[in-house]
Protein backbone atom coordinates (compact mmCIF):
# COMPACT_ATOMS: atom_id res chain seq x y z
CA MET A 1 166.88 244.15 147.54
CA ALA A 2 166.10 240.44 147.80
CA SER A 3 169.18 238.25 147.70
CA ARG A 4 169.71 236.19 144.56
CA ALA A 5 168.69 232.63 145.03
CA LYS A 6 171.38 230.04 144.38
CA PRO A 7 171.00 227.69 141.40
CA CYS A 8 170.79 223.98 141.91
CA SER A 9 174.16 222.56 142.49
CA ARG A 10 173.24 219.04 141.63
CA PRO A 11 174.14 217.93 138.04
CA LEU A 12 171.26 216.84 135.97
CA ARG A 13 172.16 213.37 134.59
CA PHE A 14 169.87 210.91 133.03
CA PRO A 15 170.25 208.10 130.48
CA ALA A 16 169.20 208.67 126.98
CA HIS A 17 166.29 206.30 127.40
CA SER A 18 165.09 207.91 130.69
CA ARG A 19 162.11 210.25 130.70
CA SER A 20 162.86 211.91 134.04
CA GLN A 21 165.62 213.77 135.70
CA GLN A 22 166.44 214.79 139.22
CA PRO A 23 164.54 217.68 140.59
CA CYS A 24 165.94 220.89 141.80
CA PRO A 25 164.67 222.96 144.74
CA LEU A 26 161.56 225.13 144.14
CA ILE A 27 162.69 228.59 143.28
CA LEU A 28 160.23 231.47 143.37
CA PRO A 29 160.71 235.23 142.69
CA SER A 30 160.29 237.66 145.56
CA ASN A 31 157.75 239.51 143.34
CA PRO A 32 154.84 237.01 142.77
CA PHE A 33 153.84 238.97 139.60
CA ALA A 34 157.38 238.70 137.95
CA ARG A 35 157.03 237.72 134.29
CA TYR A 36 158.68 234.66 132.75
CA ASP A 37 161.27 234.37 130.12
CA SER A 38 159.50 233.14 127.00
CA ALA A 39 162.07 230.42 126.34
CA ALA A 40 162.78 229.22 129.83
CA ARG A 41 159.37 229.86 131.27
CA VAL A 42 160.91 230.89 134.54
CA PRO A 43 161.20 234.47 135.95
CA ARG A 44 163.79 236.56 134.03
CA ARG A 45 165.64 237.38 137.21
CA PHE A 46 165.89 233.61 138.02
CA ALA A 47 166.70 232.30 134.51
CA HIS A 48 169.29 229.99 136.17
CA ALA A 49 166.32 228.07 137.68
CA ARG A 50 165.52 226.60 134.25
CA ALA A 51 166.79 223.21 135.44
CA GLN A 52 163.84 223.10 137.92
CA GLN A 53 161.41 223.12 135.07
CA MET A 54 163.23 220.81 132.70
CA HIS A 55 162.56 217.40 134.31
CA ALA A 56 161.57 215.74 131.03
CA PRO A 57 163.49 214.90 127.95
CA ALA A 58 164.85 217.77 125.97
CA GLU A 59 162.41 216.95 123.18
CA SER A 60 158.99 216.00 124.68
CA PRO A 61 156.49 214.91 122.04
CA LYS A 62 153.75 217.35 121.36
CA PRO A 63 150.49 215.99 122.77
CA THR A 64 148.20 214.78 120.01
CA LEU A 65 144.43 215.28 120.11
CA GLY A 66 143.95 211.52 120.59
CA PHE A 67 146.26 211.50 123.59
CA ILE A 68 144.58 214.47 125.23
CA LEU A 69 141.15 212.91 124.66
CA LEU A 70 142.28 209.54 126.06
CA ALA A 71 144.03 211.03 129.07
CA GLY A 72 140.92 213.12 129.70
CA ALA A 73 138.71 210.02 129.55
CA LEU A 74 140.95 208.14 132.07
CA THR A 75 140.83 211.18 134.34
CA ALA A 76 137.09 211.31 133.96
CA PHE A 77 136.32 207.90 135.48
CA GLY A 78 135.70 209.33 138.80
CA ALA A 79 133.65 212.28 137.62
CA VAL A 80 131.47 210.29 135.17
CA SER A 81 130.66 207.71 137.82
CA ILE A 82 129.73 210.35 140.34
CA ASP A 83 127.89 212.76 138.09
CA PHE A 84 125.78 210.27 136.18
CA TYR A 85 124.76 208.88 139.53
CA LEU A 86 123.86 212.04 141.31
CA PRO A 87 120.25 212.53 140.02
CA ALA A 88 119.37 209.02 141.02
CA LEU A 89 120.22 209.29 144.75
CA PRO A 90 116.69 210.22 145.91
CA ASP A 91 115.09 207.55 143.61
CA ILE A 92 117.55 204.85 144.87
CA ALA A 93 116.76 205.76 148.47
CA ARG A 94 113.00 205.29 147.80
CA HIS A 95 113.61 202.10 145.81
CA PHE A 96 115.40 200.38 148.70
CA GLY A 97 113.45 202.08 151.48
CA ALA A 98 116.63 203.75 152.77
CA THR A 99 117.24 207.25 154.18
CA ALA A 100 118.81 210.03 152.12
CA ALA A 101 121.81 209.83 154.29
CA ALA A 102 122.20 206.08 153.48
CA ALA A 103 121.95 206.75 149.81
CA GLN A 104 124.61 209.53 150.20
CA LEU A 105 126.86 206.93 151.88
CA THR A 106 126.98 204.98 148.59
CA MET A 107 128.74 208.10 147.15
CA SER A 108 131.20 207.95 150.12
CA ALA A 109 131.89 204.27 149.48
CA PHE A 110 132.83 205.02 145.93
CA LEU A 111 135.21 207.82 147.05
CA ALA A 112 136.76 205.62 149.53
CA GLY A 113 137.40 202.94 146.76
CA MET A 114 139.02 205.59 144.70
CA ALA A 115 141.24 206.67 147.50
CA ILE A 116 142.39 203.29 148.66
CA GLY A 117 142.78 201.90 145.01
CA GLN A 118 145.10 204.67 143.94
CA LEU A 119 147.44 203.73 146.87
CA GLY A 120 147.89 200.25 145.25
CA TRP A 121 147.85 201.16 141.52
CA GLY A 122 150.53 203.91 141.84
CA PRO A 123 153.39 201.86 143.06
CA LEU A 124 152.34 198.99 140.86
CA ALA A 125 152.52 201.17 137.82
CA ASP A 126 156.04 202.21 138.75
CA ARG A 127 157.12 198.56 139.18
CA VAL A 128 155.45 196.65 136.27
CA GLY A 129 154.64 199.52 133.81
CA ARG A 130 151.59 201.72 133.13
CA ARG A 131 149.60 199.49 130.78
CA PRO A 132 149.01 196.20 132.83
CA PRO A 133 147.51 197.79 135.93
CA LEU A 134 145.60 200.31 133.94
CA LEU A 135 143.87 197.65 131.85
CA ALA A 136 143.17 195.49 135.02
CA GLY A 137 141.57 198.45 136.82
CA ILE A 138 139.31 199.23 133.78
CA LEU A 139 138.26 195.59 133.67
CA ILE A 140 137.31 195.65 137.46
CA TYR A 141 135.42 198.90 136.91
CA THR A 142 133.34 197.47 133.94
CA LEU A 143 132.44 194.23 135.68
CA ALA A 144 131.50 196.03 138.92
CA SER A 145 129.29 198.47 136.93
CA LEU A 146 127.38 195.43 135.37
CA ALA A 147 127.00 193.77 138.79
CA LEU A 148 125.55 197.07 140.27
CA THR A 149 122.41 196.62 138.14
CA ARG A 150 121.36 193.54 140.19
CA VAL A 151 122.09 194.47 143.77
CA PRO A 152 119.46 193.42 146.37
CA GLY A 153 119.83 196.29 148.87
CA ILE A 154 121.40 199.60 149.68
CA GLU A 155 124.34 197.82 151.57
CA ALA A 156 125.15 195.75 148.60
CA LEU A 157 125.02 198.88 146.46
CA SER A 158 127.50 200.53 148.77
CA ALA A 159 129.86 197.53 148.55
CA GLY A 160 129.56 197.41 144.75
CA ARG A 161 130.28 201.08 144.54
CA PHE A 162 133.37 200.61 146.58
CA VAL A 163 134.72 197.93 144.19
CA GLN A 164 133.79 200.15 141.29
CA GLY A 165 135.81 202.92 142.86
CA LEU A 166 138.77 200.55 143.21
CA GLY A 167 138.74 199.94 139.44
CA ALA A 168 138.07 203.55 138.44
CA SER A 169 141.07 204.76 140.53
CA ALA A 170 143.51 203.09 138.11
CA GLY A 171 142.50 205.36 135.29
CA LEU A 172 143.02 208.49 137.38
CA VAL A 173 146.28 207.65 139.04
CA ILE A 174 148.02 206.22 135.94
CA ALA A 175 146.85 208.94 133.71
CA ARG A 176 148.81 211.51 135.86
CA ALA A 177 151.87 209.26 135.82
CA VAL A 178 151.75 208.96 132.03
CA ILE A 179 151.52 212.63 131.50
CA ARG A 180 154.50 213.17 133.92
CA ASP A 181 156.53 210.54 132.14
CA ARG A 182 156.26 212.58 128.89
CA TYR A 183 156.35 216.20 130.02
CA ASP A 184 158.19 218.53 132.45
CA THR A 185 156.51 220.28 135.30
CA ILE A 186 155.22 223.38 133.44
CA GLU A 187 153.96 221.32 130.50
CA SER A 188 152.41 218.78 132.84
CA ALA A 189 150.47 221.55 134.65
CA ARG A 190 149.26 222.92 131.29
CA LEU A 191 148.24 219.49 130.01
CA PHE A 192 146.43 218.70 133.31
CA SER A 193 144.48 221.89 132.66
CA LEU A 194 143.81 220.80 128.98
CA THR A 195 142.55 217.43 129.96
CA PHE A 196 140.21 219.13 132.29
CA LEU A 197 138.18 220.21 129.24
CA VAL A 198 137.39 216.50 128.63
CA LEU A 199 136.89 215.99 132.33
CA ALA A 200 134.49 218.83 132.58
CA ILE A 201 132.09 217.43 130.08
CA ALA A 202 131.05 215.02 132.72
CA PRO A 203 129.53 217.48 135.19
CA MET A 204 128.21 219.55 132.31
CA LEU A 205 126.33 216.68 130.62
CA ALA A 206 126.27 213.73 132.90
CA PRO A 207 123.65 214.86 135.47
CA THR A 208 121.23 215.81 132.60
CA ALA A 209 121.84 212.46 130.86
CA GLY A 210 121.51 210.57 134.14
CA ALA A 211 118.23 212.37 134.81
CA TRP A 212 116.97 211.38 131.31
CA LEU A 213 117.99 207.75 131.84
CA LEU A 214 116.40 207.76 135.26
CA ALA A 215 113.07 208.96 133.78
CA HIS A 216 113.03 206.65 130.86
CA ALA A 217 114.90 203.45 131.92
CA GLY A 218 115.39 203.50 135.74
CA TRP A 219 118.52 203.95 137.77
CA GLU A 220 119.86 200.51 136.79
CA SER A 221 120.45 201.86 133.21
CA ILE A 222 122.94 204.41 134.58
CA PHE A 223 125.26 201.57 135.52
CA LEU A 224 124.90 199.89 132.12
CA VAL A 225 126.07 203.23 130.54
CA LEU A 226 129.11 203.36 132.95
CA ALA A 227 129.96 199.72 131.90
CA ALA A 228 129.85 200.79 128.26
CA PHE A 229 132.08 203.74 129.07
CA GLY A 230 134.63 201.48 130.72
CA LEU A 231 134.58 199.07 127.80
CA ILE A 232 135.21 201.84 125.21
CA VAL A 233 138.06 203.43 127.18
CA GLY A 234 139.58 199.98 127.87
CA VAL A 235 139.78 199.19 124.17
CA SER A 236 141.19 202.63 123.38
CA VAL A 237 143.97 202.01 126.02
CA LEU A 238 144.67 198.47 124.61
CA PHE A 239 145.20 199.75 121.11
CA GLY A 240 146.12 203.37 121.54
CA LEU A 241 148.34 204.01 124.56
CA PRO A 242 151.97 202.81 124.41
CA GLU A 243 154.09 202.16 127.52
CA SER A 244 155.61 205.31 128.87
CA ARG A 245 157.45 204.20 132.07
CA SER A 246 161.12 205.11 131.92
CA ALA A 247 164.07 202.84 132.67
CA ALA A 248 164.98 205.12 135.57
CA THR A 249 161.55 204.84 137.11
CA ALA A 250 161.66 201.01 136.71
CA GLU A 251 165.16 200.88 138.39
CA GLN A 252 164.01 203.02 141.28
CA ALA A 253 160.88 200.87 141.85
CA ALA A 254 162.86 197.61 141.63
CA GLY A 255 165.06 198.79 144.56
CA GLU A 256 162.35 199.62 146.97
CA THR A 257 159.00 198.37 148.31
CA PRO A 258 155.78 200.43 147.93
CA LEU A 259 155.98 201.38 151.62
CA GLN A 260 159.60 202.58 151.19
CA SER A 261 158.50 204.67 148.15
CA TYR A 262 155.65 206.19 150.03
CA ALA A 263 157.93 206.93 153.13
CA ALA A 264 160.48 208.66 150.92
CA ALA A 265 157.81 210.75 149.19
CA LEU A 266 156.23 211.71 152.52
CA LYS A 267 159.55 212.79 153.93
CA ASN A 268 159.73 215.31 151.19
CA ARG A 269 158.09 218.45 152.60
CA ARG A 270 157.29 219.96 149.20
CA VAL A 271 155.62 216.73 148.03
CA LEU A 272 153.68 216.49 151.29
CA ALA A 273 152.50 220.11 151.24
CA PHE A 274 151.30 219.95 147.59
CA VAL A 275 149.59 216.58 148.11
CA GLY A 276 147.91 218.27 151.16
CA ALA A 277 146.88 221.24 149.12
CA GLY A 278 145.19 218.94 146.47
CA ALA A 279 143.55 216.91 149.23
CA PHE A 280 142.00 219.94 150.97
CA ASN A 281 141.04 221.39 147.61
CA SER A 282 139.25 218.26 146.62
CA ALA A 283 137.50 218.11 150.00
CA ALA A 284 135.83 221.35 149.09
CA LEU A 285 134.91 220.16 145.62
CA PHE A 286 133.40 216.94 146.77
CA THR A 287 131.59 218.60 149.50
CA TYR A 288 129.71 220.53 146.72
CA VAL A 289 129.30 217.41 144.58
CA SER A 290 127.77 215.24 147.28
CA ALA A 291 125.67 217.94 149.00
CA SER A 292 124.22 219.69 145.87
CA PRO A 293 121.57 217.15 144.99
CA ALA A 294 119.84 217.51 148.40
CA LEU A 295 120.42 221.20 148.50
CA PHE A 296 119.04 222.00 145.08
CA ILE A 297 116.40 219.23 144.66
CA GLU A 298 115.08 219.00 148.27
CA HIS A 299 115.88 222.34 149.83
CA TYR A 300 115.30 224.60 146.87
CA ARG A 301 112.69 222.32 145.30
CA GLN A 302 114.29 222.05 141.89
CA PRO A 303 113.39 219.10 139.58
CA PRO A 304 116.18 216.71 138.65
CA SER A 305 116.21 218.09 135.09
CA ALA A 306 116.86 221.67 136.36
CA PHE A 307 119.54 220.37 138.74
CA GLY A 308 121.39 219.03 135.77
CA GLY A 309 121.52 222.57 134.25
CA ILE A 310 122.68 224.02 137.59
CA PHE A 311 125.44 221.53 137.90
CA ALA A 312 126.55 222.20 134.36
CA LEU A 313 126.68 225.98 134.98
CA ASN A 314 129.07 225.50 137.96
CA ALA A 315 131.13 223.06 135.89
CA LEU A 316 131.45 225.81 133.27
CA GLY A 317 133.23 227.95 135.86
CA LEU A 318 135.70 225.11 136.40
CA VAL A 319 136.31 224.95 132.65
CA ILE A 320 136.96 228.61 132.27
CA ALA A 321 139.23 228.67 135.25
CA SER A 322 141.23 225.75 134.07
CA GLN A 323 141.92 227.29 130.65
CA LEU A 324 142.78 230.62 132.23
CA ASN A 325 145.32 228.69 134.19
CA ARG A 326 146.96 227.52 131.10
CA ALA A 327 147.42 231.16 130.05
CA ALA A 328 148.60 232.14 133.48
CA LEU A 329 151.37 229.61 133.44
CA SER A 330 153.07 231.41 130.58
CA ARG A 331 153.54 234.39 132.90
CA TRP A 332 153.76 233.03 136.42
CA HIS A 333 155.17 230.04 138.33
CA PRO A 334 152.60 227.29 139.01
CA ALA A 335 153.02 227.77 142.78
CA VAL A 336 152.18 231.44 142.52
CA VAL A 337 149.08 230.77 140.40
CA ALA A 338 148.01 228.06 142.92
CA ARG A 339 148.62 230.43 145.80
CA TRP A 340 146.43 233.21 144.44
CA GLY A 341 143.79 230.74 143.21
CA SER A 342 143.36 229.13 146.68
CA ALA A 343 143.17 232.62 148.28
CA ALA A 344 140.36 233.56 145.77
CA ALA A 345 138.55 230.30 146.51
CA LEU A 346 138.70 230.84 150.24
CA GLY A 347 137.40 234.36 149.82
CA PHE A 348 134.26 233.30 147.92
CA ALA A 349 133.50 230.44 150.25
CA THR A 350 133.97 232.63 153.27
CA LEU A 351 131.55 235.20 151.84
CA LEU A 352 128.92 232.47 151.23
CA LEU A 353 129.40 231.26 154.80
CA LEU A 354 128.99 234.76 156.19
CA LEU A 355 125.83 235.33 154.22
CA SER A 356 124.45 231.94 155.35
CA LEU A 357 125.16 232.80 158.93
CA ALA A 358 123.31 236.13 158.37
CA GLY A 359 120.21 234.23 157.24
CA VAL A 360 120.50 234.80 153.49
CA ASP A 361 119.13 231.67 151.81
CA SER A 362 118.82 232.55 148.10
CA MET A 363 119.36 229.96 145.38
CA ILE A 364 120.71 232.69 143.04
CA VAL A 365 123.12 234.08 145.66
CA THR A 366 124.28 230.55 146.51
CA MET A 367 124.81 229.72 142.82
CA GLY A 368 126.86 232.80 142.20
CA PHE A 369 129.31 232.18 145.02
CA LEU A 370 129.57 228.56 144.00
CA PHE A 371 130.27 229.44 140.44
CA PHE A 372 133.32 231.68 141.42
CA GLY A 373 134.47 229.62 144.37
CA LEU A 374 134.45 226.32 142.47
CA GLY A 375 136.01 228.08 139.47
CA SER A 376 139.04 229.06 141.67
CA TYR A 377 139.59 225.36 142.03
CA GLY A 378 140.90 225.22 138.51
CA PHE A 379 143.79 227.32 139.45
CA VAL A 380 144.98 224.95 142.28
CA SER A 381 144.35 221.36 141.20
CA ALA A 382 146.47 221.16 138.06
CA ASN A 383 149.40 223.15 139.48
CA ALA A 384 149.54 221.39 142.87
CA SER A 385 149.62 217.95 141.12
CA ALA A 386 152.36 218.97 138.65
CA LEU A 387 154.47 220.46 141.37
CA ALA A 388 154.15 217.42 143.59
CA LEU A 389 155.05 215.01 140.76
CA GLY A 390 157.83 217.29 139.67
CA ALA A 391 159.58 217.16 143.09
CA MET A 392 160.32 213.42 142.76
CA PRO A 393 159.60 212.48 139.05
CA GLN A 394 161.13 208.97 139.36
CA ARG A 395 158.38 208.09 141.83
CA ALA A 396 155.59 209.45 139.69
CA GLY A 397 153.27 206.53 140.12
CA SER A 398 153.63 206.52 143.87
CA ILE A 399 153.22 210.26 144.15
CA SER A 400 150.28 210.17 141.85
CA GLY A 401 148.75 207.59 144.14
CA LEU A 402 149.29 209.93 147.17
CA ILE A 403 147.68 212.78 145.27
CA GLY A 404 144.62 210.77 144.34
CA ALA A 405 144.30 208.91 147.64
CA GLY A 406 144.51 212.20 149.62
CA ALA A 407 141.98 213.94 147.39
CA PHE A 408 139.42 211.24 147.52
CA LEU A 409 139.87 210.24 151.20
CA PHE A 410 139.44 213.96 152.19
CA GLY A 411 136.49 214.06 149.67
CA ALA A 412 134.87 210.94 151.15
CA LEU A 413 135.18 212.24 154.73
CA ALA A 414 133.91 215.66 153.76
CA SER A 415 130.89 214.23 151.88
CA ALA A 416 130.12 211.80 154.74
CA ILE A 417 130.16 214.67 157.29
CA THR A 418 128.00 217.06 155.33
CA ALA A 419 125.58 214.49 153.86
CA PRO A 420 123.12 214.43 156.73
CA PHE A 421 122.83 218.21 156.76
CA ALA A 422 122.80 218.90 153.02
CA ALA A 423 119.03 219.47 152.77
CA SER A 424 119.00 222.07 155.57
CA GLY A 425 120.39 224.87 153.46
CA PRO A 426 123.71 226.18 152.15
CA LEU A 427 125.37 226.79 155.58
CA PRO A 428 126.91 223.27 156.12
CA MET A 429 128.23 223.11 152.60
CA ALA A 430 129.68 226.64 152.83
CA ALA A 431 131.36 225.88 156.16
CA ALA A 432 132.99 222.67 154.87
CA MET A 433 134.18 224.34 151.64
CA ALA A 434 135.67 227.21 153.41
CA MET A 435 137.60 224.94 155.69
CA GLY A 436 138.82 222.88 152.66
CA PHE A 437 140.00 226.00 150.79
CA LEU A 438 141.69 227.33 153.95
CA GLY A 439 143.66 224.03 154.33
CA ALA A 440 144.72 224.21 150.62
CA MET A 441 145.99 227.71 150.95
CA LEU A 442 147.96 227.00 154.03
CA CYS A 443 149.63 223.96 152.43
CA ILE A 444 150.66 225.94 149.42
CA ARG A 445 152.23 228.51 151.62
CA LEU A 446 154.07 225.82 153.46
CA ALA A 447 155.26 224.27 150.15
CA ILE A 448 156.68 227.63 149.00
CA ARG A 449 158.41 228.35 152.28
CA SER A 450 159.91 224.82 152.25
C-alpha cells in the first residue's frame, strides 16, 4: 500500500488585497485514475492537498462571457497572424521572386518575435501592471501590420513580421497572467481550455478567409485585416479589461530584476519541466502549421480553398480535445491528464512516422493521424501552463513569458528545420512531431517525479 503523502507544512498567508498565495508541492495519487472530491477537486485519498489547488482568493469571480471572449482574442493574436497568412505563402514567394523556403522563413521570423517579445513583456507586466504593456504591444502590432502592406522585398517582409510578432506576444503572455491573477490552478486550466474555443476559430476560419482575400484583393489585404483586428482588440482592452495584478506580485517584482525573476523560476524544477513540456508540445504543433501549406498544396496538389477546409478539420480536433480536457479536470489532476494526453499524441505521431517510412503516402491517412495527434495537444497545453504558473503564482508574468518564449522559440526552430522538406511528403513533418511529443511526455514525467 502506497505511503500517505504529507500535507504542505507551509502556512498559506496572503493579504486581503492579494490574488495569489504561496504554492505547495505537487501531490499526485499513486493511482492515476483516482477520482476527485467534488468540493476540493483533489483525489479523495489526498483531500489534505486542497491547499495545492487553492492559490487564488477564496472567492474568485466567475468568468463572464465578455472576459472569456477578450482573453481568447488576446490569446489568438499569434494564431490569427499565422493562419490568415498561410495560404498566401506561395503567392508571396512568386511576388518577390523568392524560394518557398525563404517565404517559410517569414513565418519563422514571426515566431521568433513572439518568443523574444514574451521574455520582455512578462516581467514588465509584473512590475508596472498588466494594462500598460498590453496596450503598448497591441499598438506595435497594429502599426507593424499596416507597414507590412508596403514592404519592398522578402527580407523586409521577414523583418516586419518579426516586429509584428514582438507586438503580438504581449497579448498572449499577459492574457495567461491575467487568468492566473484571478483563478487557482484548476480553474486556470479549465479557463485556458475554454478560451481555446475562441482561439480555435482562427485555424477553422482564418485560412479560408485568407484564401478568399488572396484571390480577391491580394496578399496585402491580409495585413490590413490583421491591423483592424489589432485595433478592435486594443479598444476592447482599453475600455473592458481592468487591472488585475496583485499587490503581492507588485512587491515581488519591485524587489528583483527580470533576470533574477527568471533565474528563480528556472531553478524550480517543476516550473522548468512544465515549461519544457509546453515548448516541446508547441514545436510539434508549429511543425504542422508551417509544413502543412507545402504538404497539402504542393505535394498533395490541393487548391488553397481546399487547404482551408483541411486546416479547419484538424483545428476541430483541437477544439474537441480542449473541451474534453475541461471535463477530465473534474475527475483527474491536471498533471495526470497532461501525461496521458502527451502519450496519446506521441503514439499517433509515431504511427504516422512508421507508415511514412513504410512508403504509405496517402492524404487521407495523413489527415486521420494528424486529426488525432493534434487533438491530443489539447490535453497538454492548458494543463502544463496552469501547473507552471501555479508553482510560483507571484511571478505569473515572468513564468508566462517563459511559457510563451519556450513555445514559440521551439516552434520557430522546428518550422525552420522542416520548411525546406515540407513539400517532399509527410515523413519530415511526422518525424519532427514525434520528437516534439516525446520531449513533452518526458518533461511531464520529470515534473511529476520532482
